[in-house]
């Protein structure tokens, strides 16, 4: 099968070398708006290594098509939720018992 187009069917375009011919703009390669493009949203470190690692994972969505973003967002959300839940589990300062000013028994 021959995919070539006969010369008489190829449209002729004017070039700068042809005197008196109107200048035609040479189209640049088409921009594909559906192609993945980074959002370039700045991420400021939180100071918590677990949270920062999850936030850095958001950059993975920059290289995926839109339908791939859901998986990244759900993973990040799950990780942030787990990090927040872990804050409630960690032992902290014990809560005071008794009334203020009363002697321990």
C-alpha atoms as a PDB file:
ATOM      1  CA  UNK A   1       0.000   0.000   0.000  1.00  0.00           C
ATOM      2  CA  UNK A   2       1.371   3.408  -0.947  1.00  0.00           C
ATOM      3  CA  UNK A   3       0.438   6.297   1.356  1.00  0.00           C
ATOM      4  CA  UNK A   4       2.133   8.980  -0.709  1.00  0.00           C
ATOM      5  CA  UNK A   5       0.054  11.766  -2.184  1.00  0.00           C
ATOM      6  CA  UNK A   6       0.470  12.497  -5.904  1.00  0.00           C
ATOM      7  CA  UNK A   7       2.375  15.741  -6.526  1.00  0.00           C
ATOM      8  CA  UNK A   8      -0.587  17.369  -8.279  1.00  0.00           C
ATOM      9  CA  UNK A   9      -2.654  16.969  -5.062  1.00  0.00           C
ATOM     10  CA  UNK A  10      -0.038  18.398  -2.685  1.00  0.00           C
ATOM     11  CA  UNK A  11      -0.979  22.003  -1.813  1.00  0.00           C
ATOM     12  CA  UNK A  12       1.692  24.495  -2.734  1.00  0.00           C
ATOM     13  CA  UNK A  13       2.699  27.020  -0.117  1.00  0.00           C
ATOM     14  CA  UNK A  14       4.429  30.307  -0.637  1.00  0.00           C
ATOM     15  CA  UNK A  15       7.874  30.711   0.793  1.00  0.00           C
ATOM     16  CA  UNK A  16       9.977  33.752   1.522  1.00  0.00           C
ATOM     17  CA  UNK A  17      12.087  32.882  -1.545  1.00  0.00           C
ATOM     18  CA  UNK A  18       9.208  33.589  -3.926  1.00  0.00           C
ATOM     19  CA  UNK A  19       9.078  37.322  -4.675  1.00  0.00           C
ATOM     20  CA  UNK A  20       5.640  38.890  -4.536  1.00  0.00           C
ATOM     21  CA  UNK A  21       4.062  35.884  -2.885  1.00  0.00           C
ATOM     22  CA  UNK A  22       2.099  36.526   0.310  1.00  0.00           C
ATOM     23  CA  UNK A  23       3.965  35.361   3.370  1.00  0.00           C
ATOM     24  CA  UNK A  24       2.303  32.461   5.082  1.00  0.00           C
ATOM     25  CA  UNK A  25       2.966  31.712   8.683  1.00  0.00           C
ATOM     26  CA  UNK A  26       4.590  28.369   9.216  1.00  0.00           C
ATOM     27  CA  UNK A  27       2.497  26.649  11.846  1.00  0.00           C
ATOM     28  CA  UNK A  28       4.388  25.603  14.918  1.00  0.00           C
ATOM     29  CA  UNK A  29       3.872  22.108  16.254  1.00  0.00           C
ATOM     30  CA  UNK A  30       0.393  21.871  17.689  1.00  0.00           C
ATOM     31  CA  UNK A  31       0.094  22.177  21.457  1.00  0.00           C
ATOM     32  CA  UNK A  32      -1.801  19.239  22.806  1.00  0.00           C
ATOM     33  CA  UNK A  33      -3.924  20.508  25.726  1.00  0.00           C
ATOM     34  CA  UNK A  34      -4.690  16.907  26.652  1.00  0.00           C
ATOM     35  CA  UNK A  35      -1.013  16.138  27.198  1.00  0.00           C
ATOM     36  CA  UNK A  36       0.144  15.974  30.814  1.00  0.00           C
ATOM     37  CA  UNK A  37       1.624  19.244  32.021  1.00  0.00           C
ATOM     38  CA  UNK A  38       2.970  20.107  35.456  1.00  0.00           C
ATOM     39  CA  UNK A  39       0.808  22.426  37.527  1.00  0.00           C
ATOM     40  CA  UNK A  40       3.895  23.955  39.149  1.00  0.00           C
ATOM     41  CA  UNK A  41       2.114  24.398  42.451  1.00  0.00           C
ATOM     42  CA  UNK A  42       4.733  25.203  45.075  1.00  0.00           C
ATOM     43  CA  UNK A  43       4.811  22.874  48.071  1.00  0.00           C
ATOM     44  CA  UNK A  44       6.173  24.250  51.320  1.00  0.00           C
ATOM     45  CA  UNK A  45       7.708  21.667  53.668  1.00  0.00           C
ATOM     46  CA  UNK A  46       5.568  21.035  56.749  1.00  0.00           C
ATOM     47  CA  UNK A  47       8.399  19.840  58.969  1.00  0.00           C
ATOM     48  CA  UNK A  48       6.805  16.404  59.337  1.00  0.00           C
ATOM     49  CA  UNK A  49       8.688  13.839  57.225  1.00  0.00           C
ATOM     50  CA  UNK A  50       5.591  11.643  56.674  1.00  0.00           C
ATOM     51  CA  UNK A  51       3.463  14.577  55.537  1.00  0.00           C
ATOM     52  CA  UNK A  52       6.222  16.013  53.329  1.00  0.00           C
ATOM     53  CA  UNK A  53       6.719  12.650  51.610  1.00  0.00           C
ATOM     54  CA  UNK A  54       2.997  12.477  50.837  1.00  0.00           C
ATOM     55  CA  UNK A  55       2.900  16.027  49.540  1.00  0.00           C
ATOM     56  CA  UNK A  56       5.922  15.327  47.337  1.00  0.00           C
ATOM     57  CA  UNK A  57       3.972  12.401  45.863  1.00  0.00           C
ATOM     58  CA  UNK A  58       1.547  14.937  44.375  1.00  0.00           C
ATOM     59  CA  UNK A  59       4.256  15.763  41.818  1.00  0.00           C
ATOM     60  CA  UNK A  60       3.665  12.309  40.312  1.00  0.00           C
ATOM     61  CA  UNK A  61       0.328  13.560  38.979  1.00  0.00           C
ATOM     62  CA  UNK A  62       2.174  16.150  36.867  1.00  0.00           C
ATOM     63  CA  UNK A  63       3.295  13.422  34.477  1.00  0.00           C
ATOM     64  CA  UNK A  64       0.019  11.543  34.218  1.00  0.00           C
ATOM     65  CA  UNK A  65      -3.078  12.028  32.134  1.00  0.00           C
ATOM     66  CA  UNK A  66      -6.048  13.378  34.065  1.00  0.00           C
ATOM     67  CA  UNK A  67      -7.577   9.947  34.572  1.00  0.00           C
ATOM     68  CA  UNK A  68      -4.408   8.893  36.424  1.00  0.00           C
ATOM     69  CA  UNK A  69      -4.655  11.725  38.944  1.00  0.00           C
ATOM     70  CA  UNK A  70      -7.345  10.013  41.011  1.00  0.00           C
ATOM     71  CA  UNK A  71      -5.034   7.187  42.056  1.00  0.00           C
ATOM     72  CA  UNK A  72      -2.321   9.638  43.163  1.00  0.00           C
ATOM     73  CA  UNK A  73      -4.767  11.897  45.022  1.00  0.00           C
ATOM     74  CA  UNK A  74      -6.381   8.953  46.810  1.00  0.00           C
ATOM     75  CA  UNK A  75      -2.969   7.618  47.817  1.00  0.00           C
ATOM     76  CA  UNK A  76      -1.888  11.012  49.150  1.00  0.00           C
ATOM     77  CA  UNK A  77      -5.200  11.488  50.972  1.00  0.00           C
ATOM     78  CA  UNK A  78      -4.904   8.037  52.575  1.00  0.00           C
ATOM     79  CA  UNK A  79      -1.344   8.781  53.703  1.00  0.00           C
ATOM     80  CA  UNK A  80      -2.230  12.193  55.129  1.00  0.00           C
ATOM     81  CA  UNK A  81      -5.219  10.702  56.949  1.00  0.00           C
ATOM     82  CA  UNK A  82      -2.975   7.996  58.415  1.00  0.00           C
ATOM     83  CA  UNK A  83      -0.413  10.602  59.519  1.00  0.00           C
ATOM     84  CA  UNK A  84      -3.161  12.642  61.196  1.00  0.00           C
ATOM     85  CA  UNK A  85      -4.589   9.558  62.896  1.00  0.00           C
ATOM     86  CA  UNK A  86      -1.116   8.661  64.159  1.00  0.00           C
ATOM     87  CA  UNK A  87      -0.979  11.988  65.984  1.00  0.00           C
ATOM     88  CA  UNK A  88      -3.889  10.840  68.166  1.00  0.00           C
ATOM     89  CA  UNK A  89      -2.192   7.532  68.980  1.00  0.00           C
ATOM     90  CA  UNK A  90       1.198   8.870  70.050  1.00  0.00           C
ATOM     91  CA  UNK A  91       1.668   9.197  73.780  1.00  0.00           C
ATOM     92  CA  UNK A  92       1.804  12.760  74.944  1.00  0.00           C
ATOM     93  CA  UNK A  93       1.862  14.539  78.255  1.00  0.00           C
ATOM     94  CA  UNK A  94      -0.426  12.682  80.653  1.00  0.00           C
ATOM     95  CA  UNK A  95      -3.654  14.460  81.404  1.00  0.00           C
ATOM     96  CA  UNK A  96      -3.864  15.873  84.918  1.00  0.00           C
ATOM     97  CA  UNK A  97      -6.071  14.023  87.350  1.00  0.00           C
ATOM     98  CA  UNK A  98      -8.077  15.470  90.214  1.00  0.00           C
ATOM     99  CA  UNK A  99      -9.034  19.091  90.811  1.00  0.00           C
ATOM    100  CA  UNK A 100      -6.510  21.899  90.634  1.00  0.00           C
ATOM    101  CA  UNK A 101      -5.090  22.685  94.056  1.00  0.00           C
ATOM    102  CA  UNK A 102      -6.075  19.378  95.634  1.00  0.00           C
ATOM    103  CA  UNK A 103      -3.489  17.047  97.106  1.00  0.00           C
ATOM    104  CA  UNK A 104      -2.945  13.688  95.419  1.00  0.00           C
ATOM    105  CA  UNK A 105      -4.429  10.821  97.374  1.00  0.00           C
END
